[in-house]
Structures are given as C-alpha cells and as structure tokens.
PDB file of N, CA and C in Angstrom:
ATOM      1  N   MET A   1     -32.253 251.161 233.210  1.00  0.00           N
ATOM      2  CA  MET A   1     -33.507 250.990 232.530  1.00  0.00           C
ATOM      3  C   MET A   1     -34.124 249.631 232.853  1.00  0.00           C
ATOM      4  N   VAL A   2     -33.315 248.593 232.951  1.00  0.00           N
ATOM      5  CA  VAL A   2     -33.869 247.260 233.174  1.00  0.00           C
ATOM      6  C   VAL A   2     -34.437 247.080 234.579  1.00  0.00           C
ATOM      7  N   ARG A   3     -34.133 247.996 235.472  1.00  0.00           N
ATOM      8  CA  ARG A   3     -34.663 247.907 236.834  1.00  0.00           C
ATOM      9  C   ARG A   3     -35.941 248.710 237.034  1.00  0.00           C
ATOM     10  N   THR A   4     -36.352 249.460 236.049  1.00  0.00           N
ATOM     11  CA  THR A   4     -37.569 250.256 236.201  1.00  0.00           C
ATOM     12  C   THR A   4     -38.782 249.330 236.214  1.00  0.00           C
ATOM     13  N   PRO A   5     -39.772 249.624 237.056  1.00  0.00           N
ATOM     14  CA  PRO A   5     -40.957 248.770 237.130  1.00  0.00           C
ATOM     15  C   PRO A   5     -41.663 248.590 235.787  1.00  0.00           C
ATOM     16  N   ARG A   6     -41.614 249.582 234.938  1.00  0.00           N
ATOM     17  CA  ARG A   6     -42.288 249.493 233.639  1.00  0.00           C
ATOM     18  C   ARG A   6     -41.681 248.387 232.762  1.00  0.00           C
ATOM     19  N   VAL A   7     -40.427 248.110 232.953  1.00  0.00           N
ATOM     20  CA  VAL A   7     -39.760 247.025 232.224  1.00  0.00           C
ATOM     21  C   VAL A   7     -39.749 245.746 233.063  1.00  0.00           C
ATOM     22  N   LEU A   8     -39.390 245.867 234.317  1.00  0.00           N
ATOM     23  CA  LEU A   8     -39.182 244.697 235.172  1.00  0.00           C
ATOM     24  C   LEU A   8     -40.459 243.902 235.440  1.00  0.00           C
ATOM     25  N   ARG A   9     -41.558 244.567 235.745  1.00  0.00           N
ATOM     26  CA  ARG A   9     -42.796 243.845 236.083  1.00  0.00           C
ATOM     27  C   ARG A   9     -43.306 242.960 234.946  1.00  0.00           C
ATOM     28  N   PRO A  10     -43.402 243.469 233.708  1.00  0.00           N
ATOM     29  CA  PRO A  10     -43.853 242.574 232.630  1.00  0.00           C
ATOM     30  C   PRO A  10     -42.925 241.374 232.421  1.00  0.00           C
ATOM     31  N   VAL A  11     -41.624 241.580 232.577  1.00  0.00           N
ATOM     32  CA  VAL A  11     -40.683 240.466 232.427  1.00  0.00           C
ATOM     33  C   VAL A  11     -40.937 239.424 233.513  1.00  0.00           C
ATOM     34  N   GLN A  12     -41.117 239.867 234.745  1.00  0.00           N
ATOM     35  CA  GLN A  12     -41.390 238.937 235.840  1.00  0.00           C
ATOM     36  C   GLN A  12     -42.708 238.189 235.622  1.00  0.00           C
ATOM     37  N   GLN A  13     -43.700 238.878 235.085  1.00  0.00           N
ATOM     38  CA  GLN A  13     -44.988 238.231 234.818  1.00  0.00           C
ATOM     39  C   GLN A  13     -44.855 237.178 233.720  1.00  0.00           C
ATOM     40  N   VAL A  14     -44.157 237.509 232.657  1.00  0.00           N
ATOM     41  CA  VAL A  14     -43.997 236.566 231.545  1.00  0.00           C
ATOM     42  C   VAL A  14     -43.219 235.330 231.983  1.00  0.00           C
ATOM     43  N   LEU A  15     -42.188 235.531 232.785  1.00  0.00           N
ATOM     44  CA  LEU A  15     -41.353 234.411 233.227  1.00  0.00           C
ATOM     45  C   LEU A  15     -41.888 233.727 234.486  1.00  0.00           C
ATOM     46  N   CYS A  16     -42.968 234.276 235.074  1.00  0.00           N
ATOM     47  CA  CYS A  16     -43.602 233.707 236.276  1.00  0.00           C
ATOM     48  C   CYS A  16     -42.627 233.583 237.444  1.00  0.00           C
ATOM     49  N   THR A  17     -41.796 234.606 237.634  1.00  0.00           N
ATOM     50  CA  THR A  17     -40.854 234.613 238.751  1.00  0.00           C
ATOM     51  C   THR A  17     -40.411 236.042 239.046  1.00  0.00           C
ATOM     52  N   ASP A  18     -40.073 236.277 240.305  1.00  0.00           N
ATOM     53  CA  ASP A  18     -39.483 237.561 240.689  1.00  0.00           C
ATOM     54  C   ASP A  18     -37.965 237.525 240.562  1.00  0.00           C
ATOM     55  N   GLU A  19     -37.404 236.332 240.401  1.00  0.00           N
ATOM     56  CA  GLU A  19     -35.955 236.178 240.313  1.00  0.00           C
ATOM     57  C   GLU A  19     -35.518 236.298 238.857  1.00  0.00           C
ATOM     58  N   THR A  20     -35.087 237.478 238.479  1.00  0.00           N
ATOM     59  CA  THR A  20     -34.625 237.726 237.115  1.00  0.00           C
ATOM     60  C   THR A  20     -33.249 238.374 237.158  1.00  0.00           C
ATOM     61  N   TYR A  21     -32.538 238.290 236.068  1.00  0.00           N
ATOM     62  CA  TYR A  21     -31.249 238.966 235.950  1.00  0.00           C
ATOM     63  C   TYR A  21     -31.029 239.356 234.499  1.00  0.00           C
ATOM     64  N   VAL A  22     -30.119 240.286 234.286  1.00  0.00           N
ATOM     65  CA  VAL A  22     -29.802 240.742 232.937  1.00  0.00           C
ATOM     66  C   VAL A  22     -28.734 239.821 232.365  1.00  0.00           C
ATOM     67  N   TYR A  23     -29.053 239.169 231.262  1.00  0.00           N
ATOM     68  CA  TYR A  23     -28.099 238.280 230.601  1.00  0.00           C
ATOM     69  C   TYR A  23     -27.106 239.090 229.781  1.00  0.00           C
ATOM     70  N   HIS A  24     -27.610 240.034 228.983  1.00  0.00           N
ATOM     71  CA  HIS A  24     -26.724 240.931 228.252  1.00  0.00           C
ATOM     72  C   HIS A  24     -27.513 242.119 227.722  1.00  0.00           C
ATOM     73  N   THR A  25     -26.794 243.131 227.324  1.00  0.00           N
ATOM     74  CA  THR A  25     -27.392 244.305 226.686  1.00  0.00           C
ATOM     75  C   THR A  25     -26.629 244.575 225.394  1.00  0.00           C
ATOM     76  N   LYS A  26     -27.296 245.213 224.457  1.00  0.00           N
ATOM     77  CA  LYS A  26     -26.618 245.574 223.216  1.00  0.00           C
ATOM     78  C   LYS A  26     -27.382 246.691 222.529  1.00  0.00           C
ATOM     79  N   ILE A  27     -26.704 247.355 221.634  1.00  0.00           N
ATOM     80  CA  ILE A  27     -27.317 248.402 220.821  1.00  0.00           C
ATOM     81  C   ILE A  27     -27.196 247.977 219.366  1.00  0.00           C
ATOM     82  N   ASN A  28     -28.317 247.938 218.679  1.00  0.00           N
ATOM     83  CA  ASN A  28     -28.333 247.652 217.244  1.00  0.00           C
ATOM     84  C   ASN A  28     -28.630 248.958 216.525  1.00  0.00           C
ATOM     85  N   ALA A  29     -27.621 249.558 215.987  1.00  0.00           N
ATOM     86  CA  ALA A  29     -27.797 250.838 215.303  1.00  0.00           C
ATOM     87  C   ALA A  29     -27.658 250.635 213.801  1.00  0.00           C
ATOM     88  N   THR A  30     -28.699 250.981 213.072  1.00  0.00           N
ATOM     89  CA  THR A  30     -28.636 250.917 211.611  1.00  0.00           C
ATOM     90  C   THR A  30     -29.007 252.276 211.057  1.00  0.00           C
ATOM     91  N   PRO A  31     -28.261 252.761 210.095  1.00  0.00           N
ATOM     92  CA  PRO A  31     -28.579 254.061 209.500  1.00  0.00           C
ATOM     93  C   PRO A  31     -29.953 254.031 208.840  1.00  0.00           C
ATOM     94  N   GLU A  32     -30.714 255.084 209.074  1.00  0.00           N
ATOM     95  CA  GLU A  32     -32.079 255.162 208.555  1.00  0.00           C
ATOM     96  C   GLU A  32     -32.132 255.092 207.037  1.00  0.00           C
ATOM     97  N   ILE A  33     -31.210 255.754 206.372  1.00  0.00           N
ATOM     98  CA  ILE A  33     -31.256 255.847 204.915  1.00  0.00           C
ATOM     99  C   ILE A  33     -30.766 254.568 204.251  1.00  0.00           C
ATOM    100  N   GLU A  34     -29.948 253.809 204.939  1.00  0.00           N
ATOM    101  CA  GLU A  34     -29.359 252.604 204.360  1.00  0.00           C
ATOM    102  C   GLU A  34     -30.411 251.568 203.962  1.00  0.00           C
ATOM    103  N   GLY A  35     -31.444 251.418 204.770  1.00  0.00           N
ATOM    104  CA  GLY A  35     -32.492 250.461 204.462  1.00  0.00           C
ATOM    105  C   GLY A  35     -32.117 249.014 204.705  1.00  0.00           C
ATOM    106  N   SER A  36     -31.143 248.769 205.586  1.00  0.00           N
ATOM    107  CA  SER A  36     -30.743 247.389 205.845  1.00  0.00           C
ATOM    108  C   SER A  36     -31.829 246.679 206.658  1.00  0.00           C
ATOM    109  N   ILE A  37     -31.828 245.357 206.581  1.00  0.00           N
ATOM    110  CA  ILE A  37     -32.810 244.561 207.306  1.00  0.00           C
ATOM    111  C   ILE A  37     -32.116 243.406 207.998  1.00  0.00           C
ATOM    112  N   TRP A  38     -32.804 242.818 208.961  1.00  0.00           N
ATOM    113  CA  TRP A  38     -32.369 241.573 209.579  1.00  0.00           C
ATOM    114  C   TRP A  38     -33.374 240.510 209.199  1.00  0.00           C
ATOM    115  N   MET A  39     -32.874 239.381 208.801  1.00  0.00           N
ATOM    116  CA  MET A  39     -33.751 238.274 208.441  1.00  0.00           C
ATOM    117  C   MET A  39     -34.399 237.705 209.703  1.00  0.00           C
ATOM    118  N   TRP A  40     -35.506 236.981 209.529  1.00  0.00           N
ATOM    119  CA  TRP A  40     -36.177 236.332 210.645  1.00  0.00           C
ATOM    120  C   TRP A  40     -35.185 235.426 211.358  1.00  0.00           C
ATOM    121  N   HIS A  41     -35.232 235.447 212.679  1.00  0.00           N
ATOM    122  CA  HIS A  41     -34.325 234.607 213.447  1.00  0.00           C
ATOM    123  C   HIS A  41     -34.851 234.420 214.863  1.00  0.00           C
ATOM    124  N   LYS A  42     -34.246 233.492 215.571  1.00  0.00           N
ATOM    125  CA  LYS A  42     -34.504 233.285 216.991  1.00  0.00           C
ATOM    126  C   LYS A  42     -33.249 233.703 217.730  1.00  0.00           C
ATOM    127  N   ASP A  43     -33.390 234.556 218.733  1.00  0.00           N
ATOM    128  CA  ASP A  43     -32.221 235.006 219.482  1.00  0.00           C
ATOM    129  C   ASP A  43     -31.547 233.874 220.250  1.00  0.00           C
ATOM    130  N   TYR A  44     -32.324 232.905 220.719  1.00  0.00           N
ATOM    131  CA  TYR A  44     -31.726 231.862 221.552  1.00  0.00           C
ATOM    132  C   TYR A  44     -30.683 231.037 220.807  1.00  0.00           C
ATOM    133  N   ASN A  45     -30.768 230.945 219.514  1.00  0.00           N
ATOM    134  CA  ASN A  45     -29.758 230.185 218.767  1.00  0.00           C
ATOM    135  C   ASN A  45     -28.351 230.694 219.057  1.00  0.00           C
ATOM    136  N   THR A  46     -28.177 231.993 219.173  1.00  0.00           N
ATOM    137  CA  THR A  46     -26.848 232.527 219.502  1.00  0.00           C
ATOM    138  C   THR A  46     -26.611 232.543 221.005  1.00  0.00           C
ATOM    139  N   TRP A  47     -27.640 232.755 221.802  1.00  0.00           N
ATOM    140  CA  TRP A  47     -27.462 232.754 223.255  1.00  0.00           C
ATOM    141  C   TRP A  47     -26.991 231.393 223.744  1.00  0.00           C
ATOM    142  N   SER A  48     -27.479 230.314 223.147  1.00  0.00           N
ATOM    143  CA  SER A  48     -27.051 228.981 223.583  1.00  0.00           C
ATOM    144  C   SER A  48     -25.562 228.775 223.312  1.00  0.00           C
ATOM    145  N   LYS A  49     -25.044 229.367 222.250  1.00  0.00           N
ATOM    146  CA  LYS A  49     -23.610 229.267 221.950  1.00  0.00           C
ATOM    147  C   LYS A  49     -22.774 230.059 222.950  1.00  0.00           C
ATOM    148  N   ASP A  50     -23.404 231.055 223.597  1.00  0.00           N
ATOM    149  CA  ASP A  50     -22.715 231.860 224.603  1.00  0.00           C
ATOM    150  C   ASP A  50     -22.808 231.245 225.996  1.00  0.00           C
ATOM    151  N   GLY A  51     -23.424 230.073 226.105  1.00  0.00           N
ATOM    152  CA  GLY A  51     -23.479 229.383 227.385  1.00  0.00           C
ATOM    153  C   GLY A  51     -24.784 229.520 228.146  1.00  0.00           C
ATOM    154  N   CYS A  52     -25.806 230.099 227.570  1.00  0.00           N
ATOM    155  CA  CYS A  52     -27.096 230.205 228.240  1.00  0.00           C
ATOM    156  C   CYS A  52     -27.767 228.830 228.220  1.00  0.00           C
ATOM    157  N   PRO A  53     -28.042 228.246 229.394  1.00  0.00           N
ATOM    158  CA  PRO A  53     -28.487 226.855 229.429  1.00  0.00           C
ATOM    159  C   PRO A  53     -29.925 226.599 228.978  1.00  0.00           C
ATOM    160  N   ARG A  54     -30.826 227.582 229.134  1.00  0.00           N
ATOM    161  CA  ARG A  54     -32.236 227.341 228.816  1.00  0.00           C
ATOM    162  C   ARG A  54     -32.821 228.534 228.064  1.00  0.00           C
ATOM    163  N   PRO A  55     -33.857 228.291 227.267  1.00  0.00           N
ATOM    164  CA  PRO A  55     -34.451 229.381 226.485  1.00  0.00           C
ATOM    165  C   PRO A  55     -35.559 230.145 227.201  1.00  0.00           C
ATOM    166  N   ASP A  56     -35.668 230.035 228.530  1.00  0.00           N
ATOM    167  CA  ASP A  56     -36.718 230.772 229.234  1.00  0.00           C
ATOM    168  C   ASP A  56     -36.230 232.186 229.539  1.00  0.00           C
ATOM    169  N   MET A  57     -36.247 233.006 228.498  1.00  0.00           N
ATOM    170  CA  MET A  57     -35.737 234.368 228.577  1.00  0.00           C
ATOM    171  C   MET A  57     -36.763 235.330 228.001  1.00  0.00           C
ATOM    172  N   ALA A  58     -36.581 236.581 228.319  1.00  0.00           N
ATOM    173  CA  ALA A  58     -37.418 237.632 227.739  1.00  0.00           C
ATOM    174  C   ALA A  58     -36.494 238.698 227.169  1.00  0.00           C
ATOM    175  N   ALA A  59     -36.937 239.342 226.118  1.00  0.00           N
ATOM    176  CA  ALA A  59     -36.164 240.419 225.499  1.00  0.00           C
ATOM    177  C   ALA A  59     -37.082 241.612 225.292  1.00  0.00           C
ATOM    178  N   PHE A  60     -36.515 242.797 225.343  1.00  0.00           N
ATOM    179  CA  PHE A  60     -37.301 243.982 225.028  1.00  0.00           C
ATOM    180  C   PHE A  60     -36.433 244.949 224.258  1.00  0.00           C
ATOM    181  N   ASN A  61     -37.075 245.820 223.513  1.00  0.00           N
ATOM    182  CA  ASN A  61     -36.320 246.827 222.770  1.00  0.00           C
ATOM    183  C   ASN A  61     -36.948 248.189 222.978  1.00  0.00           C
ATOM    184  N   VAL A  62     -36.137 249.196 222.807  1.00  0.00           N
ATOM    185  CA  VAL A  62     -36.579 250.584 222.913  1.00  0.00           C
ATOM    186  C   VAL A  62     -36.245 251.258 221.596  1.00  0.00           C
ATOM    187  N   MET A  63     -37.257 251.713 220.903  1.00  0.00           N
ATOM    188  CA  MET A  63     -37.049 252.426 219.644  1.00  0.00           C
ATOM    189  C   MET A  63     -36.815 253.904 219.964  1.00  0.00           C
ATOM    190  N   LEU A  64     -35.779 254.471 219.410  1.00  0.00           N
ATOM    191  CA  LEU A  64     -35.443 255.864 219.689  1.00  0.00           C
ATOM    192  C   LEU A  64     -36.094 256.832 218.712  1.00  0.00           C
ATOM    193  N   ASN A  65     -36.633 256.313 217.630  1.00  0.00           N
ATOM    194  CA  ASN A  65     -37.326 257.135 216.635  1.00  0.00           C
ATOM    195  C   ASN A  65     -38.715 256.564 216.406  1.00  0.00           C
ATOM    196  N   ASP A  66     -39.584 257.358 215.805  1.00  0.00           N
ATOM    197  CA  ASP A  66     -40.894 256.853 215.423  1.00  0.00           C
ATOM    198  C   ASP A  66     -40.727 255.730 214.412  1.00  0.00           C
ATOM    199  N   THR A  67     -41.549 254.706 214.538  1.00  0.00           N
ATOM    200  CA  THR A  67     -41.473 253.577 213.618  1.00  0.00           C
ATOM    201  C   THR A  67     -42.871 253.175 213.167  1.00  0.00           C
ATOM    202  N   THR A  68     -42.907 252.431 212.101  1.00  0.00           N
ATOM    203  CA  THR A  68     -44.141 251.805 211.642  1.00  0.00           C
ATOM    204  C   THR A  68     -43.892 250.306 211.622  1.00  0.00           C
ATOM    205  N   GLU A  69     -44.903 249.531 211.298  1.00  0.00           N
ATOM    206  CA  GLU A  69     -44.688 248.085 211.237  1.00  0.00           C
ATOM    207  C   GLU A  69     -43.700 247.705 210.145  1.00  0.00           C
ATOM    208  N   PHE A  70     -43.477 248.583 209.185  1.00  0.00           N
ATOM    209  CA  PHE A  70     -42.564 248.292 208.079  1.00  0.00           C
ATOM    210  C   PHE A  70     -41.162 248.852 208.296  1.00  0.00           C
ATOM    211  N   SER A  71     -41.006 249.784 209.229  1.00  0.00           N
ATOM    212  CA  SER A  71     -39.708 250.441 209.379  1.00  0.00           C
ATOM    213  C   SER A  71     -38.968 250.070 210.656  1.00  0.00           C
ATOM    214  N   GLY A  72     -39.404 249.107 211.370  1.00  0.00           N
ATOM    215  CA  GLY A  72     -38.637 248.751 212.545  1.00  0.00           C
ATOM    216  C   GLY A  72     -39.402 248.029 213.618  1.00  0.00           C
ATOM    217  N   GLY A  73     -40.607 247.650 213.342  1.00  0.00           N
ATOM    218  CA  GLY A  73     -41.382 246.937 214.348  1.00  0.00           C
ATOM    219  C   GLY A  73     -40.803 245.564 214.648  1.00  0.00           C
ATOM    220  N   LEU A  74     -41.080 245.079 215.819  1.00  0.00           N
ATOM    221  CA  LEU A  74     -40.628 243.758 216.226  1.00  0.00           C
ATOM    222  C   LEU A  74     -41.836 242.843 216.248  1.00  0.00           C
ATOM    223  N   TYR A  75     -41.770 241.754 215.520  1.00  0.00           N
ATOM    224  CA  TYR A  75     -42.850 240.778 215.505  1.00  0.00           C
ATOM    225  C   TYR A  75     -42.491 239.637 216.447  1.00  0.00           C
ATOM    226  N   ASN A  76     -43.409 239.282 217.308  1.00  0.00           N
ATOM    227  CA  ASN A  76     -43.199 238.170 218.230  1.00  0.00           C
ATOM    228  C   ASN A  76     -44.198 237.072 217.927  1.00  0.00           C
ATOM    229  N   TYR A  77     -43.712 235.854 217.917  1.00  0.00           N
ATOM    230  CA  TYR A  77     -44.559 234.696 217.696  1.00  0.00           C
ATOM    231  C   TYR A  77     -44.416 233.754 218.879  1.00  0.00           C
ATOM    232  N   PRO A  78     -45.525 233.196 219.349  1.00  0.00           N
ATOM    233  CA  PRO A  78     -45.445 232.287 220.498  1.00  0.00           C
ATOM    234  C   PRO A  78     -44.537 231.105 220.197  1.00  0.00           C
ATOM    235  N   GLY A  79     -43.772 230.723 221.191  1.00  0.00           N
ATOM    236  CA  GLY A  79     -42.874 229.589 221.028  1.00  0.00           C
ATOM    237  C   GLY A  79     -43.453 228.338 221.658  1.00  0.00           C
ATOM    238  N   GLN A  80     -42.650 227.337 221.746  1.00  0.00           N
ATOM    239  CA  GLN A  80     -43.045 226.081 222.368  1.00  0.00           C
ATOM    240  C   GLN A  80     -42.971 226.239 223.880  1.00  0.00           C
ATOM    241  N   PRO A  81     -43.915 225.650 224.614  1.00  0.00           N
ATOM    242  CA  PRO A  81     -43.848 225.741 226.093  1.00  0.00           C
ATOM    243  C   PRO A  81     -42.673 224.970 226.648  1.00  0.00           C
TER     244      PRO A  81
END
C-alpha cells in the first residue's frame, strides 16, 4: 500500500523529496461499541524514543469503516518548520 502512487506522491510532495522510506507500520484496532478514545498527542514524541533522529516525517491512515468527524477522524495541525 505504501508504494502506490496515491499514497507515495503526496508524501513525496509534503516532504519535498523523492527519497522516502517506511519507518514503521501498525494497526490500531478499537472495538466500535467500546467508545474508547486517544487523547491529543504528537507521534514524534514516541518515534524519537525509538531512535528516529528528526521529525520530518509523514503519516497516513486508512479507515476501514465509514467515519464522521466525531467517530474517528484525524485532525492535523501545522507544526513548526
């Protein structure tokens, strides 16, 4: 999936380079009925502990079910340059 142009091209554009690689993949599965949430956070805080030297990364997610802004949307806020 990460090699498909639909995913790869936007990542290359955001990072301003054709040289990209996959740092890691994961699946976050939460039961629909449970209603659990994740608090606001920055992913790089944990990536830096795993040895990632710089925060110039991109992330994407694929929702497997229909979602609304209240049931699973991802909010992105611009960071520091």
